[in-house]
Amino acid sequence: MSALNRIRDTWNDMDRPTRLRWGYGVIAILALAVIFSFVYNRIGLLENKRQRREADLVEMLRLKGRYQEARSTSMRLANRLAAVRADDSPAKLVEETGIRGKSLRITPLKTELKNGFTEEAADIKIDGLTANEAVNLLHRIEKGQRPAIVRKALLRTRFDDPSKLDLTLTVALLRGAPQGAR
């Protein structure tokens, strides 16, 4: 005799009120199983939603950091642009560094308008610098208070004194473009 036959025989031997109570119990167990299944499904959906939001939050924090970095860079450039006076020029920037070498020759180039900025450029040739003076000059020009860019730099050793260098630079001083030109 199989287990199913035994259950059927036991069910048939019960009186009607007992069978009704057992039926209600089975219905209650099945209802609880359906409710728990729904709850676990809902918990799974909420867990997936939480994970997506955590990923979004991580991305937002990364974007916030990039935004703050870009904003601080922009503010530094704006402050450096505000520090440019009307009488500033690439020649004045080089002269203010105090590094002169044997000879200094400055040739102004034409002023160009690029990306909302005016670039005032000059070719600068300095003879007889030490390597340390050349590095200091480049550093002071690019990292100074005014926004200047070294477009081109050419270092050559001197024939008469190999410890000295000849430096040829193209330096551009940035200014904010006039309001009508933007």
N, C-alpha and C. Protein backbone atom coordinates (compact mmCIF):
# COMPACT_ATOMS: atom_id res chain seq x y z
N MET A 1 0.84 -1.17 0.00
CA MET A 1 0.00 0.00 0.00
C MET A 1 0.89 1.24 0.00
N SER A 2 0.52 2.15 -0.82
CA SER A 2 1.35 3.34 -0.93
C SER A 2 0.92 4.37 0.09
N ALA A 3 1.74 5.39 0.23
CA ALA A 3 1.48 6.44 1.21
C ALA A 3 0.23 7.22 0.82
N LEU A 4 0.02 7.39 -0.46
CA LEU A 4 -1.16 8.11 -0.92
C LEU A 4 -2.44 7.36 -0.57
N ASN A 5 -2.41 6.04 -0.69
CA ASN A 5 -3.59 5.23 -0.31
C ASN A 5 -3.85 5.33 1.18
N ARG A 6 -2.79 5.31 1.98
CA ARG A 6 -2.98 5.43 3.43
C ARG A 6 -3.60 6.77 3.80
N ILE A 7 -3.12 7.85 3.13
CA ILE A 7 -3.68 9.19 3.42
C ILE A 7 -5.15 9.24 3.02
N ARG A 8 -5.49 8.66 1.87
CA ARG A 8 -6.88 8.64 1.42
C ARG A 8 -7.76 7.85 2.39
N ASP A 9 -7.27 6.70 2.87
CA ASP A 9 -8.05 5.90 3.82
C ASP A 9 -8.25 6.64 5.14
N THR A 10 -7.20 7.30 5.59
CA THR A 10 -7.32 8.06 6.85
C THR A 10 -8.31 9.19 6.66
N TRP A 11 -8.29 9.83 5.53
CA TRP A 11 -9.21 10.94 5.23
C TRP A 11 -10.65 10.44 5.20
N ASN A 12 -10.88 9.31 4.60
CA ASN A 12 -12.24 8.76 4.52
C ASN A 12 -12.74 8.28 5.88
N ASP A 13 -11.85 7.86 6.78
CA ASP A 13 -12.26 7.40 8.10
C ASP A 13 -12.63 8.56 9.03
N MET A 14 -12.22 9.79 8.69
CA MET A 14 -12.52 10.94 9.57
C MET A 14 -13.97 11.35 9.39
N ASP A 15 -14.54 11.92 10.47
CA ASP A 15 -15.89 12.44 10.34
C ASP A 15 -15.84 13.83 9.70
N ARG A 16 -16.99 14.35 9.30
CA ARG A 16 -17.06 15.59 8.52
C ARG A 16 -16.47 16.79 9.23
N PRO A 17 -16.74 17.08 10.52
CA PRO A 17 -16.15 18.27 11.17
C PRO A 17 -14.62 18.17 11.25
N THR A 18 -14.05 16.99 11.45
CA THR A 18 -12.59 16.83 11.53
C THR A 18 -11.98 17.09 10.15
N ARG A 19 -12.61 16.56 9.10
CA ARG A 19 -12.11 16.80 7.75
C ARG A 19 -12.15 18.29 7.42
N LEU A 20 -13.19 18.99 7.89
CA LEU A 20 -13.33 20.42 7.63
C LEU A 20 -12.20 21.19 8.33
N ARG A 21 -11.90 20.81 9.59
CA ARG A 21 -10.80 21.47 10.33
C ARG A 21 -9.47 21.23 9.63
N TRP A 22 -9.24 19.97 9.20
CA TRP A 22 -7.98 19.67 8.49
C TRP A 22 -7.92 20.43 7.15
N GLY A 23 -9.00 20.58 6.49
CA GLY A 23 -9.05 21.34 5.22
C GLY A 23 -8.70 22.81 5.45
N TYR A 24 -9.30 23.38 6.53
CA TYR A 24 -8.97 24.76 6.85
C TYR A 24 -7.49 24.91 7.20
N GLY A 25 -6.92 23.96 7.88
CA GLY A 25 -5.48 24.01 8.24
C GLY A 25 -4.61 23.98 6.99
N VAL A 26 -4.96 23.06 6.05
CA VAL A 26 -4.18 22.99 4.79
C VAL A 26 -4.32 24.29 4.02
N ILE A 27 -5.53 24.86 3.98
CA ILE A 27 -5.74 26.14 3.28
C ILE A 27 -4.90 27.23 3.93
N ALA A 28 -4.86 27.27 5.29
CA ALA A 28 -4.08 28.28 6.01
C ALA A 28 -2.59 28.12 5.70
N ILE A 29 -2.11 26.88 5.65
CA ILE A 29 -0.69 26.64 5.35
C ILE A 29 -0.36 27.09 3.92
N LEU A 30 -1.24 26.76 2.98
CA LEU A 30 -1.03 27.19 1.59
C LEU A 30 -1.09 28.72 1.47
N ALA A 31 -2.02 29.35 2.20
CA ALA A 31 -2.12 30.81 2.17
C ALA A 31 -0.84 31.45 2.73
N LEU A 32 -0.32 30.88 3.84
CA LEU A 32 0.94 31.39 4.41
C LEU A 32 2.10 31.20 3.42
N ALA A 33 2.12 30.07 2.73
CA ALA A 33 3.18 29.83 1.74
C ALA A 33 3.11 30.87 0.62
N VAL A 34 1.88 31.19 0.16
CA VAL A 34 1.73 32.20 -0.89
C VAL A 34 2.15 33.57 -0.37
N ILE A 35 1.76 33.92 0.85
CA ILE A 35 2.13 35.22 1.44
C ILE A 35 3.64 35.32 1.60
N PHE A 36 4.28 34.26 2.14
CA PHE A 36 5.73 34.28 2.30
C PHE A 36 6.44 34.36 0.95
N SER A 37 5.90 33.69 -0.04
CA SER A 37 6.48 33.75 -1.38
C SER A 37 6.41 35.18 -1.92
N PHE A 38 5.28 35.83 -1.75
CA PHE A 38 5.12 37.21 -2.19
C PHE A 38 6.08 38.14 -1.44
N VAL A 39 6.18 37.94 -0.11
CA VAL A 39 7.07 38.78 0.70
C VAL A 39 8.52 38.61 0.28
N TYR A 40 8.96 37.37 0.07
CA TYR A 40 10.35 37.13 -0.35
C TYR A 40 10.61 37.71 -1.75
N ASN A 41 9.63 37.62 -2.63
CA ASN A 41 9.76 38.22 -3.96
C ASN A 41 9.91 39.74 -3.83
N ARG A 42 9.08 40.34 -3.00
CA ARG A 42 9.14 41.79 -2.78
C ARG A 42 10.47 42.19 -2.15
N ILE A 43 10.95 41.41 -1.20
CA ILE A 43 12.25 41.68 -0.58
C ILE A 43 13.36 41.62 -1.63
N GLY A 44 13.28 40.65 -2.51
CA GLY A 44 14.27 40.54 -3.59
C GLY A 44 14.25 41.76 -4.50
N LEU A 45 13.04 42.22 -4.85
CA LEU A 45 12.93 43.42 -5.68
C LEU A 45 13.50 44.64 -4.98
N LEU A 46 13.20 44.78 -3.69
CA LEU A 46 13.72 45.91 -2.92
C LEU A 46 15.25 45.83 -2.78
N GLU A 47 15.77 44.63 -2.63
CA GLU A 47 17.23 44.44 -2.54
C GLU A 47 17.90 44.86 -3.85
N ASN A 48 17.31 44.47 -4.99
CA ASN A 48 17.85 44.89 -6.28
C ASN A 48 17.79 46.40 -6.44
N LYS A 49 16.69 46.99 -5.99
CA LYS A 49 16.54 48.44 -6.07
C LYS A 49 17.59 49.14 -5.19
N ARG A 50 17.83 48.59 -4.01
CA ARG A 50 18.85 49.16 -3.10
C ARG A 50 20.23 49.08 -3.74
N GLN A 51 20.55 47.95 -4.36
CA GLN A 51 21.86 47.80 -5.00
C GLN A 51 22.03 48.78 -6.15
N ARG A 52 20.96 48.98 -6.94
CA ARG A 52 21.03 49.95 -8.04
C ARG A 52 21.24 51.35 -7.50
N ARG A 53 20.55 51.68 -6.43
CA ARG A 53 20.70 53.02 -5.85
C ARG A 53 22.08 53.22 -5.23
N GLU A 54 22.63 52.17 -4.63
CA GLU A 54 23.99 52.27 -4.10
C GLU A 54 24.99 52.50 -5.24
N ALA A 55 24.79 51.81 -6.35
CA ALA A 55 25.66 52.01 -7.52
C ALA A 55 25.51 53.44 -8.04
N ASP A 56 24.27 53.94 -8.08
CA ASP A 56 24.04 55.33 -8.50
C ASP A 56 24.71 56.31 -7.55
N LEU A 57 24.65 56.02 -6.26
CA LEU A 57 25.26 56.89 -5.26
C LEU A 57 26.78 56.92 -5.42
N VAL A 58 27.37 55.76 -5.66
CA VAL A 58 28.82 55.70 -5.89
C VAL A 58 29.19 56.52 -7.11
N GLU A 59 28.40 56.38 -8.17
CA GLU A 59 28.66 57.16 -9.40
C GLU A 59 28.49 58.65 -9.13
N MET A 60 27.46 59.01 -8.37
CA MET A 60 27.24 60.43 -8.04
C MET A 60 28.40 60.99 -7.22
N LEU A 61 28.91 60.21 -6.28
CA LEU A 61 30.04 60.68 -5.48
C LEU A 61 31.28 60.85 -6.36
N ARG A 62 31.48 59.95 -7.30
CA ARG A 62 32.60 60.06 -8.22
C ARG A 62 32.44 61.32 -9.08
N LEU A 63 31.21 61.56 -9.58
CA LEU A 63 30.95 62.75 -10.37
C LEU A 63 31.10 64.02 -9.54
N LYS A 64 30.70 63.95 -8.28
CA LYS A 64 30.85 65.11 -7.40
C LYS A 64 32.32 65.46 -7.23
N GLY A 65 33.15 64.44 -7.04
CA GLY A 65 34.59 64.69 -6.92
C GLY A 65 35.17 65.29 -8.18
N ARG A 66 34.76 64.75 -9.34
CA ARG A 66 35.26 65.30 -10.61
C ARG A 66 34.76 66.73 -10.82
N TYR A 67 33.52 67.00 -10.42
CA TYR A 67 32.97 68.35 -10.54
C TYR A 67 33.75 69.32 -9.65
N GLN A 68 34.00 68.92 -8.41
CA GLN A 68 34.73 69.81 -7.50
C GLN A 68 36.15 70.06 -7.99
N GLU A 69 36.78 69.04 -8.55
CA GLU A 69 38.13 69.20 -9.10
C GLU A 69 38.10 70.17 -10.29
N ALA A 70 37.13 69.99 -11.18
CA ALA A 70 37.02 70.88 -12.34
C ALA A 70 36.69 72.30 -11.90
N ARG A 71 35.86 72.42 -10.90
CA ARG A 71 35.48 73.75 -10.40
C ARG A 71 36.67 74.45 -9.77
N SER A 72 37.47 73.72 -9.00
CA SER A 72 38.64 74.35 -8.38
C SER A 72 39.66 74.75 -9.44
N THR A 73 39.83 73.92 -10.48
CA THR A 73 40.73 74.27 -11.57
C THR A 73 40.23 75.51 -12.29
N SER A 74 38.92 75.55 -12.52
CA SER A 74 38.32 76.71 -13.18
C SER A 74 38.49 77.97 -12.33
N MET A 75 38.31 77.84 -11.03
CA MET A 75 38.47 79.00 -10.15
C MET A 75 39.92 79.47 -10.13
N ARG A 76 40.88 78.52 -10.13
CA ARG A 76 42.29 78.92 -10.17
C ARG A 76 42.59 79.69 -11.45
N LEU A 77 42.07 79.18 -12.59
CA LEU A 77 42.30 79.87 -13.85
C LEU A 77 41.62 81.24 -13.84
N ALA A 78 40.42 81.32 -13.31
CA ALA A 78 39.71 82.61 -13.23
C ALA A 78 40.48 83.59 -12.37
N ASN A 79 41.03 83.11 -11.25
CA ASN A 79 41.82 83.98 -10.38
C ASN A 79 43.10 84.43 -11.08
N ARG A 80 43.73 83.50 -11.81
CA ARG A 80 44.94 83.88 -12.54
C ARG A 80 44.61 84.86 -13.66
N LEU A 81 43.47 84.68 -14.34
CA LEU A 81 43.07 85.63 -15.38
C LEU A 81 42.76 87.00 -14.78
N ALA A 82 42.19 87.02 -13.60
CA ALA A 82 41.88 88.30 -12.94
C ALA A 82 43.16 89.02 -12.52
N ALA A 83 44.25 88.28 -12.33
CA ALA A 83 45.51 88.90 -11.90
C ALA A 83 46.25 89.57 -13.04
N VAL A 84 45.82 89.36 -14.28
CA VAL A 84 46.49 89.97 -15.44
C VAL A 84 46.13 91.46 -15.49
N ARG A 85 47.18 92.29 -15.54
CA ARG A 85 46.98 93.73 -15.63
C ARG A 85 47.08 94.15 -17.10
N ALA A 86 46.66 95.35 -17.39
CA ALA A 86 46.66 95.85 -18.77
C ALA A 86 48.06 95.96 -19.35
N ASP A 87 49.05 96.23 -18.50
CA ASP A 87 50.42 96.43 -19.00
C ASP A 87 51.25 95.15 -19.02
N ASP A 88 50.64 94.01 -18.69
CA ASP A 88 51.38 92.74 -18.69
C ASP A 88 51.61 92.27 -20.12
N SER A 89 52.76 91.62 -20.30
CA SER A 89 53.11 91.05 -21.60
C SER A 89 54.04 89.86 -21.35
N PRO A 90 54.23 88.99 -22.34
CA PRO A 90 55.18 87.88 -22.16
C PRO A 90 56.59 88.38 -21.84
N ALA A 91 56.99 89.48 -22.45
CA ALA A 91 58.32 90.03 -22.18
C ALA A 91 58.44 90.45 -20.72
N LYS A 92 57.40 91.06 -20.20
CA LYS A 92 57.42 91.50 -18.80
C LYS A 92 57.48 90.29 -17.86
N LEU A 93 56.76 89.21 -18.21
CA LEU A 93 56.81 87.99 -17.39
C LEU A 93 58.23 87.45 -17.29
N VAL A 94 58.93 87.41 -18.43
CA VAL A 94 60.30 86.89 -18.43
C VAL A 94 61.23 87.82 -17.67
N GLU A 95 61.06 89.12 -17.84
CA GLU A 95 61.91 90.08 -17.14
C GLU A 95 61.69 90.02 -15.63
N GLU A 96 60.44 89.78 -15.20
CA GLU A 96 60.14 89.71 -13.77
C GLU A 96 60.77 88.51 -13.09
N THR A 97 61.11 87.47 -13.84
CA THR A 97 61.75 86.30 -13.24
C THR A 97 63.17 86.62 -12.79
N GLY A 98 63.81 87.62 -13.44
CA GLY A 98 65.16 87.99 -13.07
C GLY A 98 66.22 87.11 -13.71
N ILE A 99 65.85 86.19 -14.55
CA ILE A 99 66.80 85.30 -15.22
C ILE A 99 67.05 85.89 -16.60
N ARG A 100 68.32 86.30 -16.84
CA ARG A 100 68.60 87.00 -18.09
C ARG A 100 69.61 86.28 -18.97
N GLY A 101 70.58 85.61 -18.44
CA GLY A 101 71.62 84.99 -19.26
C GLY A 101 72.54 86.04 -19.84
N LYS A 102 73.26 85.69 -20.89
CA LYS A 102 74.17 86.64 -21.55
C LYS A 102 73.40 87.68 -22.35
N SER A 103 72.44 87.19 -23.13
CA SER A 103 71.64 88.12 -23.93
C SER A 103 70.19 87.66 -23.94
N LEU A 104 69.31 88.63 -24.11
CA LEU A 104 67.88 88.38 -24.10
C LEU A 104 67.28 89.09 -25.31
N ARG A 105 66.57 88.34 -26.15
CA ARG A 105 65.93 88.92 -27.32
C ARG A 105 64.46 88.50 -27.32
N ILE A 106 63.57 89.51 -27.44
CA ILE A 106 62.13 89.25 -27.39
C ILE A 106 61.51 89.79 -28.68
N THR A 107 60.77 88.91 -29.37
CA THR A 107 60.08 89.28 -30.60
C THR A 107 58.59 89.06 -30.41
N PRO A 108 57.80 90.13 -30.36
CA PRO A 108 56.35 89.94 -30.18
C PRO A 108 55.73 89.29 -31.42
N LEU A 109 54.74 88.44 -31.19
CA LEU A 109 53.98 87.80 -32.26
C LEU A 109 52.58 88.39 -32.26
N LYS A 110 51.78 88.04 -33.25
CA LYS A 110 50.43 88.61 -33.31
C LYS A 110 49.55 88.03 -32.21
N THR A 111 48.62 88.82 -31.78
CA THR A 111 47.66 88.43 -30.75
C THR A 111 46.52 87.66 -31.40
N GLU A 112 46.15 86.53 -30.79
CA GLU A 112 45.09 85.68 -31.34
C GLU A 112 43.96 85.53 -30.34
N LEU A 113 42.76 85.32 -30.88
CA LEU A 113 41.59 85.06 -30.05
C LEU A 113 41.26 83.58 -30.18
N LYS A 114 41.35 82.83 -29.04
CA LYS A 114 41.07 81.38 -29.03
C LYS A 114 40.20 81.04 -27.84
N ASN A 115 39.09 80.36 -28.09
CA ASN A 115 38.21 79.82 -27.04
C ASN A 115 37.85 80.86 -25.99
N GLY A 116 37.57 82.06 -26.38
CA GLY A 116 37.15 83.07 -25.42
C GLY A 116 38.31 83.73 -24.68
N PHE A 117 39.55 83.46 -25.08
CA PHE A 117 40.72 84.05 -24.48
C PHE A 117 41.53 84.77 -25.55
N THR A 118 42.20 85.81 -25.16
CA THR A 118 43.14 86.47 -26.04
C THR A 118 44.52 85.99 -25.66
N GLU A 119 45.27 85.50 -26.66
CA GLU A 119 46.63 85.02 -26.43
C GLU A 119 47.61 86.02 -27.01
N GLU A 120 48.36 86.64 -26.13
CA GLU A 120 49.40 87.56 -26.56
C GLU A 120 50.71 86.79 -26.49
N ALA A 121 51.33 86.52 -27.65
CA ALA A 121 52.49 85.64 -27.70
C ALA A 121 53.75 86.42 -28.06
N ALA A 122 54.90 85.81 -27.70
CA ALA A 122 56.20 86.39 -28.04
C ALA A 122 57.22 85.27 -28.14
N ASP A 123 58.16 85.43 -29.08
CA ASP A 123 59.32 84.54 -29.16
C ASP A 123 60.42 85.14 -28.31
N ILE A 124 60.99 84.33 -27.45
CA ILE A 124 62.01 84.79 -26.51
C ILE A 124 63.24 83.93 -26.70
N LYS A 125 64.39 84.57 -26.86
CA LYS A 125 65.65 83.84 -27.02
C LYS A 125 66.60 84.35 -25.94
N ILE A 126 67.05 83.42 -25.11
CA ILE A 126 67.98 83.75 -24.03
C ILE A 126 69.22 82.88 -24.21
N ASP A 127 70.38 83.53 -24.23
CA ASP A 127 71.65 82.83 -24.43
C ASP A 127 72.40 82.74 -23.11
N GLY A 128 73.15 81.66 -22.92
CA GLY A 128 74.07 81.51 -21.80
C GLY A 128 73.42 81.22 -20.45
N LEU A 129 72.41 80.38 -20.42
CA LEU A 129 71.77 79.98 -19.16
C LEU A 129 72.36 78.67 -18.67
N THR A 130 72.34 78.48 -17.37
CA THR A 130 72.65 77.15 -16.83
C THR A 130 71.37 76.32 -16.92
N ALA A 131 71.51 75.03 -16.77
CA ALA A 131 70.33 74.15 -16.82
C ALA A 131 69.36 74.49 -15.70
N ASN A 132 69.87 74.82 -14.52
CA ASN A 132 69.03 75.17 -13.38
C ASN A 132 68.25 76.46 -13.67
N GLU A 133 68.91 77.45 -14.26
CA GLU A 133 68.22 78.70 -14.60
C GLU A 133 67.13 78.46 -15.64
N ALA A 134 67.40 77.59 -16.62
CA ALA A 134 66.39 77.30 -17.64
C ALA A 134 65.16 76.65 -17.03
N VAL A 135 65.39 75.67 -16.14
CA VAL A 135 64.25 75.00 -15.49
C VAL A 135 63.49 75.98 -14.61
N ASN A 136 64.20 76.81 -13.86
CA ASN A 136 63.54 77.80 -13.00
C ASN A 136 62.73 78.79 -13.83
N LEU A 137 63.26 79.22 -14.96
CA LEU A 137 62.54 80.14 -15.83
C LEU A 137 61.24 79.52 -16.33
N LEU A 138 61.32 78.30 -16.84
CA LEU A 138 60.11 77.61 -17.32
C LEU A 138 59.08 77.43 -16.21
N HIS A 139 59.55 77.05 -15.03
CA HIS A 139 58.64 76.85 -13.90
C HIS A 139 57.96 78.16 -13.50
N ARG A 140 58.74 79.23 -13.41
CA ARG A 140 58.18 80.52 -13.00
C ARG A 140 57.19 81.07 -14.02
N ILE A 141 57.43 80.80 -15.29
CA ILE A 141 56.50 81.28 -16.32
C ILE A 141 55.17 80.52 -16.23
N GLU A 142 55.25 79.19 -16.19
CA GLU A 142 54.02 78.39 -16.23
C GLU A 142 53.26 78.37 -14.90
N LYS A 143 53.97 78.41 -13.78
CA LYS A 143 53.31 78.30 -12.49
C LYS A 143 53.19 79.64 -11.77
N GLY A 144 53.46 80.73 -12.46
CA GLY A 144 53.38 82.05 -11.84
C GLY A 144 51.95 82.47 -11.56
N GLN A 145 51.82 83.73 -11.14
CA GLN A 145 50.50 84.24 -10.78
C GLN A 145 49.65 84.55 -11.99
N ARG A 146 50.29 84.80 -13.12
CA ARG A 146 49.55 85.13 -14.33
C ARG A 146 49.47 83.91 -15.24
N PRO A 147 48.37 83.78 -16.00
CA PRO A 147 48.21 82.59 -16.85
C PRO A 147 49.05 82.70 -18.13
N ALA A 148 50.16 82.01 -18.12
CA ALA A 148 51.03 81.99 -19.29
C ALA A 148 51.27 80.55 -19.70
N ILE A 149 51.45 80.35 -21.00
CA ILE A 149 51.67 79.01 -21.54
C ILE A 149 52.95 79.04 -22.36
N VAL A 150 53.80 78.06 -22.13
CA VAL A 150 54.98 77.91 -22.97
C VAL A 150 54.56 77.03 -24.14
N ARG A 151 54.43 77.63 -25.31
CA ARG A 151 53.98 76.91 -26.50
C ARG A 151 55.09 76.05 -27.08
N LYS A 152 56.31 76.58 -27.06
CA LYS A 152 57.43 75.86 -27.67
C LYS A 152 58.68 76.21 -26.87
N ALA A 153 59.50 75.22 -26.61
CA ALA A 153 60.77 75.44 -25.92
C ALA A 153 61.85 74.63 -26.63
N LEU A 154 62.97 75.27 -26.92
CA LEU A 154 64.07 74.61 -27.59
C LEU A 154 65.34 74.93 -26.82
N LEU A 155 66.00 73.89 -26.32
CA LEU A 155 67.25 74.03 -25.57
C LEU A 155 68.41 73.53 -26.43
N ARG A 156 69.45 74.33 -26.49
CA ARG A 156 70.66 73.92 -27.21
C ARG A 156 71.87 74.23 -26.35
N THR A 157 72.84 73.32 -26.37
CA THR A 157 74.09 73.59 -25.65
C THR A 157 74.94 74.55 -26.48
N ARG A 158 75.72 75.36 -25.79
CA ARG A 158 76.59 76.32 -26.47
C ARG A 158 77.88 75.63 -26.90
N PHE A 159 78.42 76.06 -28.04
CA PHE A 159 79.68 75.48 -28.52
C PHE A 159 80.86 75.97 -27.69
N ASP A 160 80.82 77.25 -27.27
CA ASP A 160 81.95 77.80 -26.52
C ASP A 160 81.99 77.33 -25.07
N ASP A 161 80.81 76.99 -24.47
CA ASP A 161 80.75 76.52 -23.09
C ASP A 161 79.64 75.48 -22.98
N PRO A 162 79.96 74.17 -23.02
CA PRO A 162 78.91 73.14 -23.01
C PRO A 162 78.07 73.12 -21.72
N SER A 163 78.50 73.78 -20.66
CA SER A 163 77.69 73.80 -19.43
C SER A 163 76.59 74.86 -19.52
N LYS A 164 76.63 75.70 -20.53
CA LYS A 164 75.61 76.74 -20.72
C LYS A 164 74.66 76.34 -21.85
N LEU A 165 73.45 76.87 -21.79
CA LEU A 165 72.41 76.53 -22.76
C LEU A 165 71.87 77.79 -23.42
N ASP A 166 71.41 77.64 -24.64
CA ASP A 166 70.65 78.68 -25.32
C ASP A 166 69.20 78.21 -25.32
N LEU A 167 68.30 79.08 -24.90
CA LEU A 167 66.89 78.73 -24.76
C LEU A 167 66.06 79.59 -25.69
N THR A 168 65.25 78.95 -26.51
CA THR A 168 64.32 79.66 -27.38
C THR A 168 62.91 79.22 -26.98
N LEU A 169 62.07 80.20 -26.62
CA LEU A 169 60.72 79.94 -26.13
C LEU A 169 59.69 80.68 -26.97
N THR A 170 58.52 80.11 -27.05
CA THR A 170 57.35 80.85 -27.51
C THR A 170 56.39 80.84 -26.33
N VAL A 171 56.18 82.02 -25.76
CA VAL A 171 55.35 82.17 -24.56
C VAL A 171 54.09 82.94 -24.92
N ALA A 172 52.94 82.45 -24.45
CA ALA A 172 51.66 83.12 -24.68
C ALA A 172 51.05 83.50 -23.34
N LEU A 173 50.67 84.76 -23.22
CA LEU A 173 49.99 85.26 -22.02
C LEU A 173 48.49 85.28 -22.32
N LEU A 174 47.71 84.65 -21.46
CA LEU A 174 46.26 84.58 -21.66
C LEU A 174 45.57 85.75 -20.99
N ARG A 175 44.59 86.29 -21.68
CA ARG A 175 43.73 87.34 -21.11
C ARG A 175 42.28 86.96 -21.44
N GLY A 176 41.37 87.41 -20.62
CA GLY A 176 39.97 87.22 -20.96
C GLY A 176 39.64 88.06 -22.17
N ALA A 177 38.87 87.51 -23.10
CA ALA A 177 38.53 88.25 -24.32
C ALA A 177 37.56 89.36 -23.97
N PRO A 178 37.59 90.45 -24.73
CA PRO A 178 36.59 91.50 -24.51
C PRO A 178 35.19 90.94 -24.69
N GLN A 179 34.23 91.53 -24.02
CA GLN A 179 32.86 90.99 -24.01
C GLN A 179 32.26 90.89 -25.41
N GLY A 180 32.55 91.81 -26.30
CA GLY A 180 31.98 91.77 -27.64
C GLY A 180 32.60 90.67 -28.50
N ALA A 181 33.84 90.25 -28.18
CA ALA A 181 34.55 89.29 -29.02
C ALA A 181 34.22 87.85 -28.68
N ARG A 182 33.58 87.59 -27.57
CA ARG A 182 33.29 86.22 -27.16
C ARG A 182 32.19 85.69 -28.02
